[in-house]
Amino acid sequence: MTSSYEFHTYPARLSDAERDRALKVLRDGVALGRLSHDTFIRRMELALAARQPHELAALTADLPAEKNWTRIVFGTVEAVSGFTVRLRRAWQAERLPKLLLPHPGNPYPLRIGRDPASGLRLSHETVSRVHAELSRQGGLWVLRDLGSTNGTTVNGRRVIGAAVVRDGDQVSFGTMAFRLATE
């Protein structure tokens, strides 16, 4: 009697690096105008659900492969431009006036705006009458934009609704910028 052993071999699972490479090709395709936003979103969903390498290859087959020297040049430009942005932000952070966070025990939110009744009155044309509100919620500081005309930003990103803030963050109301501090 002969024994027969069967070994089931399953294809290897896609690595995160393979998936990341495919997503980068898709992002580059959008940046170069070769893919529409809707096509990018759909292909990104398919890439995240892919189980086989050939599925990823099919998603990027119509996009040109990036040459090695192109990758080096663009990578260098991205690194340099990212460095200059971080350097500028760090330089500005030290020169910004401090905005002291209210005492944590205060149950009332701090209103910010041009209105004389605001807890922090900013008399500048880019600040709305009722611009923003800073409050303590569940142990966290929350900055809420109150429908201002020129917007509220935290660390350079516009606040849509509300954002959690902490000591050291850069906040701006219109063009008036501050660095949050606890003391």
N, C-alpha and C. Protein backbone atom coordinates (compact mmCIF):
# COMPACT_ATOMS: atom_id res chain seq x y z
N MET A 1 0.84 -1.16 0.00
CA MET A 1 0.00 0.00 0.00
C MET A 1 0.90 1.24 0.00
N THR A 2 0.60 2.16 -0.87
CA THR A 2 1.40 3.38 -0.95
C THR A 2 0.65 4.51 -0.28
N SER A 3 1.40 5.33 0.37
CA SER A 3 0.81 6.48 1.04
C SER A 3 0.97 7.70 0.16
N SER A 4 -0.04 8.48 0.14
CA SER A 4 0.01 9.72 -0.65
C SER A 4 -0.27 10.88 0.29
N TYR A 5 0.62 11.83 0.26
CA TYR A 5 0.44 13.01 1.09
C TYR A 5 0.13 14.18 0.19
N GLU A 6 -0.89 14.88 0.57
CA GLU A 6 -1.24 16.08 -0.19
C GLU A 6 -0.90 17.29 0.66
N PHE A 7 -0.22 18.22 0.03
CA PHE A 7 0.08 19.47 0.71
C PHE A 7 -0.63 20.57 -0.02
N HIS A 8 -1.46 21.26 0.69
CA HIS A 8 -2.15 22.38 0.08
C HIS A 8 -1.24 23.60 0.18
N THR A 9 -0.94 24.16 -0.94
CA THR A 9 -0.14 25.38 -0.92
C THR A 9 -1.04 26.52 -1.35
N TYR A 10 -1.09 27.48 -0.51
CA TYR A 10 -1.89 28.65 -0.79
C TYR A 10 -0.95 29.76 -1.24
N PRO A 11 -1.43 30.60 -2.13
CA PRO A 11 -0.55 31.69 -2.56
C PRO A 11 -0.20 32.59 -1.37
N ALA A 12 0.99 33.11 -1.43
CA ALA A 12 1.45 33.99 -0.34
C ALA A 12 0.58 35.23 -0.27
N ARG A 13 0.36 35.67 0.95
CA ARG A 13 -0.42 36.88 1.17
C ARG A 13 0.39 38.08 0.70
N LEU A 14 -0.31 39.07 0.16
CA LEU A 14 0.37 40.28 -0.29
C LEU A 14 1.01 40.98 0.90
N SER A 15 2.21 41.46 0.69
CA SER A 15 2.87 42.20 1.76
C SER A 15 2.37 43.64 1.74
N ASP A 16 2.54 44.31 2.87
CA ASP A 16 2.16 45.72 2.95
C ASP A 16 2.99 46.56 2.00
N ALA A 17 4.25 46.17 1.79
CA ALA A 17 5.13 46.91 0.89
C ALA A 17 4.62 46.83 -0.55
N GLU A 18 4.16 45.66 -0.97
CA GLU A 18 3.60 45.51 -2.33
C GLU A 18 2.36 46.38 -2.50
N ARG A 19 1.51 46.35 -1.50
CA ARG A 19 0.28 47.14 -1.55
C ARG A 19 0.62 48.64 -1.56
N ASP A 20 1.59 49.04 -0.73
CA ASP A 20 2.01 50.45 -0.70
C ASP A 20 2.58 50.90 -2.03
N ARG A 21 3.36 50.04 -2.69
CA ARG A 21 3.91 50.40 -4.01
C ARG A 21 2.79 50.63 -5.02
N ALA A 22 1.78 49.76 -5.00
CA ALA A 22 0.65 49.91 -5.93
C ALA A 22 -0.12 51.20 -5.62
N LEU A 23 -0.33 51.50 -4.35
CA LEU A 23 -1.04 52.73 -3.98
C LEU A 23 -0.25 53.97 -4.37
N LYS A 24 1.07 53.89 -4.28
CA LYS A 24 1.91 55.02 -4.70
C LYS A 24 1.79 55.25 -6.21
N VAL A 25 1.78 54.18 -6.98
CA VAL A 25 1.61 54.31 -8.43
C VAL A 25 0.26 54.95 -8.74
N LEU A 26 -0.78 54.55 -8.01
CA LEU A 26 -2.10 55.14 -8.22
C LEU A 26 -2.11 56.62 -7.83
N ARG A 27 -1.49 56.97 -6.70
CA ARG A 27 -1.42 58.38 -6.29
C ARG A 27 -0.67 59.21 -7.32
N ASP A 28 0.43 58.66 -7.84
CA ASP A 28 1.20 59.37 -8.87
C ASP A 28 0.36 59.53 -10.13
N GLY A 29 -0.46 58.54 -10.45
CA GLY A 29 -1.34 58.63 -11.62
C GLY A 29 -2.34 59.76 -11.49
N VAL A 30 -2.86 59.97 -10.29
CA VAL A 30 -3.78 61.09 -10.06
C VAL A 30 -3.03 62.40 -10.15
N ALA A 31 -1.84 62.46 -9.54
CA ALA A 31 -1.05 63.69 -9.54
C ALA A 31 -0.65 64.11 -10.95
N LEU A 32 -0.41 63.13 -11.82
CA LEU A 32 -0.03 63.44 -13.20
C LEU A 32 -1.23 63.63 -14.11
N GLY A 33 -2.43 63.48 -13.57
CA GLY A 33 -3.64 63.69 -14.37
C GLY A 33 -4.02 62.50 -15.23
N ARG A 34 -3.47 61.33 -14.95
CA ARG A 34 -3.77 60.13 -15.75
C ARG A 34 -4.98 59.36 -15.21
N LEU A 35 -5.37 59.65 -13.97
CA LEU A 35 -6.55 59.02 -13.37
C LEU A 35 -7.46 60.10 -12.80
N SER A 36 -8.76 59.89 -12.93
CA SER A 36 -9.70 60.80 -12.28
C SER A 36 -9.76 60.44 -10.80
N HIS A 37 -10.30 61.34 -10.01
CA HIS A 37 -10.42 61.10 -8.57
C HIS A 37 -11.29 59.88 -8.30
N ASP A 38 -12.42 59.76 -9.02
CA ASP A 38 -13.32 58.62 -8.82
C ASP A 38 -12.64 57.30 -9.16
N THR A 39 -11.88 57.28 -10.27
CA THR A 39 -11.16 56.07 -10.66
C THR A 39 -10.12 55.72 -9.61
N PHE A 40 -9.42 56.74 -9.10
CA PHE A 40 -8.42 56.51 -8.06
C PHE A 40 -9.06 55.89 -6.83
N ILE A 41 -10.19 56.43 -6.38
CA ILE A 41 -10.86 55.91 -5.18
C ILE A 41 -11.26 54.45 -5.39
N ARG A 42 -11.83 54.14 -6.54
CA ARG A 42 -12.27 52.77 -6.82
C ARG A 42 -11.07 51.82 -6.86
N ARG A 43 -10.01 52.23 -7.55
CA ARG A 43 -8.83 51.37 -7.64
C ARG A 43 -8.14 51.22 -6.28
N MET A 44 -8.17 52.26 -5.48
CA MET A 44 -7.59 52.18 -4.15
C MET A 44 -8.34 51.15 -3.31
N GLU A 45 -9.68 51.16 -3.39
CA GLU A 45 -10.48 50.18 -2.67
C GLU A 45 -10.14 48.76 -3.14
N LEU A 46 -9.99 48.59 -4.45
CA LEU A 46 -9.65 47.28 -4.98
C LEU A 46 -8.25 46.85 -4.55
N ALA A 47 -7.31 47.80 -4.50
CA ALA A 47 -5.95 47.47 -4.07
C ALA A 47 -5.93 47.03 -2.61
N LEU A 48 -6.74 47.68 -1.78
CA LEU A 48 -6.78 47.30 -0.37
C LEU A 48 -7.45 45.95 -0.16
N ALA A 49 -8.32 45.56 -1.10
CA ALA A 49 -9.01 44.27 -0.99
C ALA A 49 -8.28 43.16 -1.75
N ALA A 50 -7.26 43.48 -2.54
CA ALA A 50 -6.56 42.50 -3.37
C ALA A 50 -5.88 41.44 -2.50
N ARG A 51 -5.87 40.21 -3.04
CA ARG A 51 -5.23 39.10 -2.34
C ARG A 51 -4.04 38.54 -3.10
N GLN A 52 -3.97 38.81 -4.40
CA GLN A 52 -2.94 38.25 -5.26
C GLN A 52 -2.14 39.37 -5.92
N PRO A 53 -0.86 39.14 -6.18
CA PRO A 53 -0.05 40.15 -6.87
C PRO A 53 -0.59 40.53 -8.25
N HIS A 54 -1.18 39.56 -8.96
CA HIS A 54 -1.69 39.88 -10.29
C HIS A 54 -2.89 40.84 -10.23
N GLU A 55 -3.62 40.85 -9.11
CA GLU A 55 -4.72 41.80 -8.95
C GLU A 55 -4.18 43.22 -8.85
N LEU A 56 -3.09 43.39 -8.13
CA LEU A 56 -2.47 44.71 -8.04
C LEU A 56 -1.90 45.14 -9.39
N ALA A 57 -1.29 44.20 -10.09
CA ALA A 57 -0.70 44.52 -11.40
C ALA A 57 -1.77 44.98 -12.38
N ALA A 58 -2.96 44.39 -12.30
CA ALA A 58 -4.05 44.79 -13.20
C ALA A 58 -4.53 46.22 -12.91
N LEU A 59 -4.45 46.63 -11.65
CA LEU A 59 -4.90 47.98 -11.28
C LEU A 59 -3.96 49.07 -11.77
N THR A 60 -2.70 48.72 -11.97
CA THR A 60 -1.70 49.73 -12.36
C THR A 60 -1.15 49.51 -13.76
N ALA A 61 -1.71 48.55 -14.50
CA ALA A 61 -1.17 48.19 -15.82
C ALA A 61 -1.22 49.34 -16.82
N ASP A 62 -2.24 50.20 -16.76
CA ASP A 62 -2.36 51.28 -17.73
C ASP A 62 -1.60 52.54 -17.33
N LEU A 63 -0.92 52.49 -16.20
CA LEU A 63 -0.14 53.64 -15.74
C LEU A 63 1.33 53.38 -16.03
N PRO A 64 2.04 54.38 -16.55
CA PRO A 64 3.44 54.16 -16.90
C PRO A 64 4.29 53.93 -15.65
N ALA A 65 5.24 53.02 -15.79
CA ALA A 65 6.16 52.75 -14.69
C ALA A 65 7.12 53.93 -14.56
N GLU A 66 7.40 54.28 -13.35
CA GLU A 66 8.28 55.41 -13.10
C GLU A 66 9.73 54.96 -13.26
N LYS A 67 10.50 55.73 -13.96
CA LYS A 67 11.92 55.42 -14.15
C LYS A 67 12.66 55.63 -12.83
N ASN A 68 13.74 54.92 -12.65
CA ASN A 68 14.50 54.99 -11.41
C ASN A 68 15.03 56.39 -11.15
N TRP A 69 15.58 57.04 -12.17
CA TRP A 69 16.12 58.39 -11.98
C TRP A 69 15.02 59.38 -11.66
N THR A 70 13.82 59.18 -12.23
CA THR A 70 12.68 60.05 -11.92
C THR A 70 12.30 59.93 -10.45
N ARG A 71 12.28 58.71 -9.96
CA ARG A 71 11.95 58.46 -8.56
C ARG A 71 12.96 59.16 -7.65
N ILE A 72 14.24 59.10 -8.02
CA ILE A 72 15.28 59.73 -7.21
C ILE A 72 15.11 61.25 -7.21
N VAL A 73 14.87 61.83 -8.39
CA VAL A 73 14.72 63.29 -8.49
C VAL A 73 13.50 63.75 -7.70
N PHE A 74 12.34 63.11 -7.91
CA PHE A 74 11.13 63.52 -7.21
C PHE A 74 11.25 63.27 -5.71
N GLY A 75 11.87 62.17 -5.32
CA GLY A 75 12.07 61.90 -3.90
C GLY A 75 12.93 62.96 -3.23
N THR A 76 13.96 63.42 -3.94
CA THR A 76 14.83 64.46 -3.40
C THR A 76 14.08 65.78 -3.28
N VAL A 77 13.30 66.13 -4.31
CA VAL A 77 12.53 67.37 -4.27
C VAL A 77 11.52 67.33 -3.13
N GLU A 78 10.83 66.18 -2.95
CA GLU A 78 9.87 66.05 -1.86
C GLU A 78 10.56 66.22 -0.51
N ALA A 79 11.73 65.61 -0.36
CA ALA A 79 12.44 65.71 0.92
C ALA A 79 12.87 67.14 1.21
N VAL A 80 13.40 67.83 0.19
CA VAL A 80 13.86 69.20 0.39
C VAL A 80 12.69 70.13 0.67
N SER A 81 11.61 70.01 -0.09
CA SER A 81 10.47 70.90 0.13
C SER A 81 9.82 70.62 1.48
N GLY A 82 9.76 69.35 1.88
CA GLY A 82 9.23 69.03 3.20
C GLY A 82 10.08 69.60 4.31
N PHE A 83 11.39 69.58 4.12
CA PHE A 83 12.30 70.13 5.12
C PHE A 83 12.10 71.64 5.25
N THR A 84 11.97 72.33 4.12
CA THR A 84 11.81 73.79 4.20
C THR A 84 10.50 74.16 4.87
N VAL A 85 9.45 73.39 4.63
CA VAL A 85 8.17 73.66 5.29
C VAL A 85 8.31 73.46 6.79
N ARG A 86 8.95 72.36 7.21
CA ARG A 86 9.14 72.11 8.65
C ARG A 86 10.03 73.18 9.27
N LEU A 87 11.06 73.61 8.55
CA LEU A 87 11.95 74.65 9.06
C LEU A 87 11.20 75.97 9.24
N ARG A 88 10.40 76.35 8.24
CA ARG A 88 9.62 77.59 8.32
C ARG A 88 8.64 77.53 9.48
N ARG A 89 7.97 76.40 9.64
CA ARG A 89 7.00 76.24 10.72
C ARG A 89 7.68 76.32 12.10
N ALA A 90 8.86 75.69 12.23
CA ALA A 90 9.58 75.75 13.49
C ALA A 90 10.06 77.17 13.78
N TRP A 91 10.51 77.87 12.75
CA TRP A 91 10.98 79.25 12.92
C TRP A 91 9.84 80.15 13.37
N GLN A 92 8.67 79.98 12.76
CA GLN A 92 7.52 80.80 13.12
C GLN A 92 7.01 80.45 14.51
N ALA A 93 7.05 79.18 14.89
CA ALA A 93 6.49 78.74 16.17
C ALA A 93 7.15 79.47 17.33
N GLU A 94 8.45 79.66 17.26
CA GLU A 94 9.14 80.32 18.35
C GLU A 94 8.83 81.81 18.40
N ARG A 95 8.46 82.39 17.29
CA ARG A 95 8.20 83.82 17.23
C ARG A 95 6.73 84.16 17.44
N LEU A 96 5.85 83.16 17.46
CA LEU A 96 4.42 83.43 17.63
C LEU A 96 4.12 83.80 19.07
N PRO A 97 3.15 84.70 19.26
CA PRO A 97 2.73 85.01 20.63
C PRO A 97 2.02 83.80 21.25
N LYS A 98 2.16 83.65 22.56
CA LYS A 98 1.51 82.54 23.26
C LYS A 98 0.04 82.85 23.50
N LEU A 99 -0.77 81.84 23.36
CA LEU A 99 -2.18 81.91 23.74
C LEU A 99 -2.33 80.91 24.88
N LEU A 100 -2.49 81.42 26.11
CA LEU A 100 -2.58 80.54 27.27
C LEU A 100 -3.93 79.84 27.29
N LEU A 101 -3.87 78.52 27.46
CA LEU A 101 -5.10 77.74 27.58
C LEU A 101 -5.76 78.09 28.91
N PRO A 102 -7.09 78.18 28.93
CA PRO A 102 -7.78 78.51 30.19
C PRO A 102 -7.54 77.44 31.25
N HIS A 103 -7.82 77.79 32.49
CA HIS A 103 -7.69 76.83 33.58
C HIS A 103 -8.62 75.66 33.32
N PRO A 104 -8.13 74.41 33.47
CA PRO A 104 -8.96 73.24 33.18
C PRO A 104 -10.25 73.16 33.99
N GLY A 105 -10.30 73.79 35.15
CA GLY A 105 -11.50 73.73 35.98
C GLY A 105 -12.61 74.66 35.53
N ASN A 106 -12.31 75.56 34.59
CA ASN A 106 -13.31 76.51 34.12
C ASN A 106 -14.35 75.78 33.26
N PRO A 107 -15.63 75.78 33.67
CA PRO A 107 -16.65 75.02 32.93
C PRO A 107 -17.12 75.72 31.65
N TYR A 108 -16.77 76.98 31.48
CA TYR A 108 -17.28 77.74 30.34
C TYR A 108 -16.26 77.77 29.20
N PRO A 109 -16.72 77.67 27.97
CA PRO A 109 -15.79 77.75 26.84
C PRO A 109 -15.28 79.17 26.65
N LEU A 110 -14.10 79.30 26.07
CA LEU A 110 -13.51 80.59 25.77
C LEU A 110 -13.93 80.98 24.36
N ARG A 111 -14.72 82.05 24.25
CA ARG A 111 -15.15 82.56 22.94
C ARG A 111 -14.06 83.45 22.38
N ILE A 112 -13.80 83.31 21.09
CA ILE A 112 -12.76 84.08 20.42
C ILE A 112 -13.38 84.81 19.24
N GLY A 113 -13.13 86.12 19.13
CA GLY A 113 -13.67 86.88 18.02
C GLY A 113 -13.54 88.37 18.22
N ARG A 114 -14.13 89.15 17.31
CA ARG A 114 -14.09 90.61 17.41
C ARG A 114 -15.15 91.17 18.34
N ASP A 115 -16.14 90.38 18.68
CA ASP A 115 -17.23 90.82 19.55
C ASP A 115 -16.67 91.25 20.91
N PRO A 116 -17.08 92.43 21.42
CA PRO A 116 -16.58 92.88 22.73
C PRO A 116 -16.90 91.91 23.87
N ALA A 117 -17.93 91.09 23.69
CA ALA A 117 -18.29 90.14 24.75
C ALA A 117 -17.44 88.87 24.71
N SER A 118 -16.55 88.73 23.74
CA SER A 118 -15.70 87.54 23.63
C SER A 118 -14.69 87.50 24.77
N GLY A 119 -14.38 86.31 25.22
CA GLY A 119 -13.37 86.13 26.25
C GLY A 119 -11.99 86.52 25.74
N LEU A 120 -11.72 86.25 24.47
CA LEU A 120 -10.49 86.68 23.81
C LEU A 120 -10.90 87.53 22.61
N ARG A 121 -10.75 88.82 22.75
CA ARG A 121 -11.16 89.75 21.70
C ARG A 121 -9.97 90.05 20.81
N LEU A 122 -10.13 89.76 19.51
CA LEU A 122 -9.09 90.01 18.52
C LEU A 122 -9.62 91.05 17.53
N SER A 123 -9.10 92.23 17.59
CA SER A 123 -9.56 93.32 16.72
C SER A 123 -8.75 93.32 15.42
N HIS A 124 -9.10 92.43 14.53
CA HIS A 124 -8.42 92.36 13.23
C HIS A 124 -9.48 92.06 12.18
N GLU A 125 -9.30 92.64 10.98
CA GLU A 125 -10.34 92.50 9.95
C GLU A 125 -10.51 91.07 9.45
N THR A 126 -9.54 90.18 9.65
CA THR A 126 -9.70 88.80 9.19
C THR A 126 -10.36 87.91 10.23
N VAL A 127 -10.62 88.45 11.41
CA VAL A 127 -11.28 87.70 12.48
C VAL A 127 -12.76 88.04 12.47
N SER A 128 -13.59 86.99 12.48
CA SER A 128 -15.04 87.20 12.50
C SER A 128 -15.49 87.68 13.87
N ARG A 129 -16.69 88.25 13.92
CA ARG A 129 -17.24 88.75 15.18
C ARG A 129 -17.30 87.63 16.21
N VAL A 130 -17.86 86.50 15.83
CA VAL A 130 -17.87 85.29 16.65
C VAL A 130 -17.11 84.25 15.84
N HIS A 131 -15.85 84.07 16.13
CA HIS A 131 -14.96 83.29 15.25
C HIS A 131 -14.82 81.83 15.68
N ALA A 132 -14.42 81.60 16.94
CA ALA A 132 -14.15 80.23 17.39
C ALA A 132 -14.41 80.11 18.88
N GLU A 133 -14.29 78.87 19.37
CA GLU A 133 -14.54 78.59 20.77
C GLU A 133 -13.58 77.50 21.22
N LEU A 134 -12.96 77.70 22.37
CA LEU A 134 -12.03 76.74 22.95
C LEU A 134 -12.63 76.21 24.24
N SER A 135 -12.77 74.89 24.33
CA SER A 135 -13.39 74.31 25.53
C SER A 135 -12.68 73.03 25.92
N ARG A 136 -12.93 72.61 27.15
CA ARG A 136 -12.36 71.37 27.69
C ARG A 136 -13.45 70.33 27.65
N GLN A 137 -13.20 69.21 26.95
CA GLN A 137 -14.20 68.14 26.85
C GLN A 137 -13.53 66.80 27.07
N GLY A 138 -13.95 66.11 28.09
CA GLY A 138 -13.41 64.78 28.36
C GLY A 138 -11.90 64.76 28.57
N GLY A 139 -11.36 65.80 29.18
CA GLY A 139 -9.92 65.84 29.43
C GLY A 139 -9.10 66.36 28.27
N LEU A 140 -9.75 66.70 27.16
CA LEU A 140 -9.05 67.22 25.98
C LEU A 140 -9.49 68.64 25.68
N TRP A 141 -8.58 69.43 25.08
CA TRP A 141 -8.94 70.76 24.62
C TRP A 141 -9.48 70.65 23.21
N VAL A 142 -10.64 71.25 22.97
CA VAL A 142 -11.27 71.19 21.65
C VAL A 142 -11.47 72.62 21.14
N LEU A 143 -10.98 72.87 19.93
CA LEU A 143 -11.14 74.17 19.27
C LEU A 143 -12.20 74.01 18.19
N ARG A 144 -13.26 74.81 18.29
CA ARG A 144 -14.39 74.70 17.37
C ARG A 144 -14.52 76.00 16.58
N ASP A 145 -14.53 75.88 15.25
CA ASP A 145 -14.78 77.04 14.40
C ASP A 145 -16.28 77.30 14.40
N LEU A 146 -16.68 78.54 14.58
CA LEU A 146 -18.10 78.88 14.68
C LEU A 146 -18.62 79.52 13.39
N GLY A 147 -18.20 78.98 12.25
CA GLY A 147 -18.66 79.49 10.96
C GLY A 147 -17.97 80.78 10.55
N SER A 148 -16.72 80.92 10.91
CA SER A 148 -15.98 82.14 10.59
C SER A 148 -15.78 82.29 9.09
N THR A 149 -15.62 83.52 8.65
CA THR A 149 -15.43 83.80 7.23
C THR A 149 -14.05 83.37 6.75
N ASN A 150 -13.00 83.71 7.50
CA ASN A 150 -11.63 83.44 7.06
C ASN A 150 -11.01 82.19 7.67
N GLY A 151 -11.77 81.45 8.44
CA GLY A 151 -11.34 80.15 8.91
C GLY A 151 -10.45 80.15 10.13
N THR A 152 -10.38 78.97 10.72
CA THR A 152 -9.54 78.68 11.88
C THR A 152 -8.65 77.53 11.48
N THR A 153 -7.35 77.60 11.79
CA THR A 153 -6.45 76.51 11.46
C THR A 153 -5.71 76.04 12.70
N VAL A 154 -5.34 74.77 12.69
CA VAL A 154 -4.50 74.17 13.73
C VAL A 154 -3.33 73.51 13.01
N ASN A 155 -2.13 73.99 13.31
CA ASN A 155 -0.90 73.48 12.68
C ASN A 155 -0.99 73.51 11.16
N GLY A 156 -1.59 74.57 10.64
CA GLY A 156 -1.66 74.76 9.20
C GLY A 156 -2.84 74.09 8.52
N ARG A 157 -3.63 73.33 9.24
CA ARG A 157 -4.79 72.64 8.65
C ARG A 157 -6.07 73.31 9.09
N ARG A 158 -6.95 73.56 8.13
CA ARG A 158 -8.20 74.24 8.42
C ARG A 158 -9.10 73.37 9.29
N VAL A 159 -9.72 73.98 10.26
CA VAL A 159 -10.64 73.28 11.16
C VAL A 159 -12.02 73.28 10.52
N ILE A 160 -12.54 72.10 10.28
CA ILE A 160 -13.90 71.94 9.80
C ILE A 160 -14.68 71.36 10.97
N GLY A 161 -15.51 72.17 11.58
CA GLY A 161 -16.22 71.73 12.78
C GLY A 161 -15.37 71.96 14.01
N ALA A 162 -14.66 70.90 14.46
CA ALA A 162 -13.85 71.01 15.67
C ALA A 162 -12.58 70.20 15.51
N ALA A 163 -11.57 70.56 16.31
CA ALA A 163 -10.30 69.83 16.31
C ALA A 163 -9.75 69.79 17.72
N VAL A 164 -9.12 68.68 18.07
CA VAL A 164 -8.47 68.55 19.37
C VAL A 164 -7.13 69.28 19.28
N VAL A 165 -6.84 70.10 20.30
CA VAL A 165 -5.59 70.86 20.33
C VAL A 165 -4.85 70.55 21.62
N ARG A 166 -3.55 70.82 21.60
CA ARG A 166 -2.74 70.58 22.80
C ARG A 166 -1.66 71.64 22.90
N ASP A 167 -0.98 71.64 24.01
CA ASP A 167 0.10 72.58 24.28
C ASP A 167 1.13 72.52 23.15
N GLY A 168 1.51 73.67 22.61
CA GLY A 168 2.51 73.75 21.55
C GLY A 168 1.94 73.84 20.15
N ASP A 169 0.64 73.56 19.98
CA ASP A 169 0.03 73.65 18.65
C ASP A 169 -0.02 75.09 18.18
N GLN A 170 0.08 75.28 16.87
CA GLN A 170 -0.09 76.60 16.27
C GLN A 170 -1.54 76.73 15.84
N VAL A 171 -2.19 77.79 16.27
CA VAL A 171 -3.57 78.04 15.88
C VAL A 171 -3.64 79.42 15.25
N SER A 172 -4.54 79.56 14.28
CA SER A 172 -4.74 80.89 13.71
C SER A 172 -6.22 81.13 13.50
N PHE A 173 -6.59 82.37 13.69
CA PHE A 173 -7.95 82.84 13.52
C PHE A 173 -7.85 83.91 12.43
N GLY A 174 -8.31 83.59 11.22
CA GLY A 174 -8.03 84.46 10.10
C GLY A 174 -6.53 84.44 9.88
N THR A 175 -5.89 85.62 9.91
CA THR A 175 -4.43 85.67 9.76
C THR A 175 -3.71 85.88 11.09
N MET A 176 -4.43 85.92 12.18
CA MET A 176 -3.81 86.10 13.50
C MET A 176 -3.41 84.72 14.04
N ALA A 177 -2.09 84.53 14.23
CA ALA A 177 -1.57 83.23 14.63
C ALA A 177 -1.01 83.27 16.05
N PHE A 178 -1.15 82.14 16.75
CA PHE A 178 -0.69 81.99 18.12
C PHE A 178 -0.12 80.60 18.32
N ARG A 179 0.64 80.44 19.41
CA ARG A 179 1.11 79.13 19.84
C ARG A 179 0.44 78.85 21.18
N LEU A 180 -0.27 77.73 21.28
CA LEU A 180 -0.95 77.38 22.53
C LEU A 180 0.06 77.01 23.59
N ALA A 181 -0.21 77.46 24.81
CA ALA A 181 0.69 77.17 25.93
C ALA A 181 -0.12 76.99 27.19
N THR A 182 0.38 76.16 28.10
CA THR A 182 -0.31 75.96 29.38
C THR A 182 0.22 76.89 30.44
N GLU A 183 1.38 77.49 30.22
CA GLU A 183 1.93 78.44 31.21
C GLU A 183 2.75 79.48 30.52
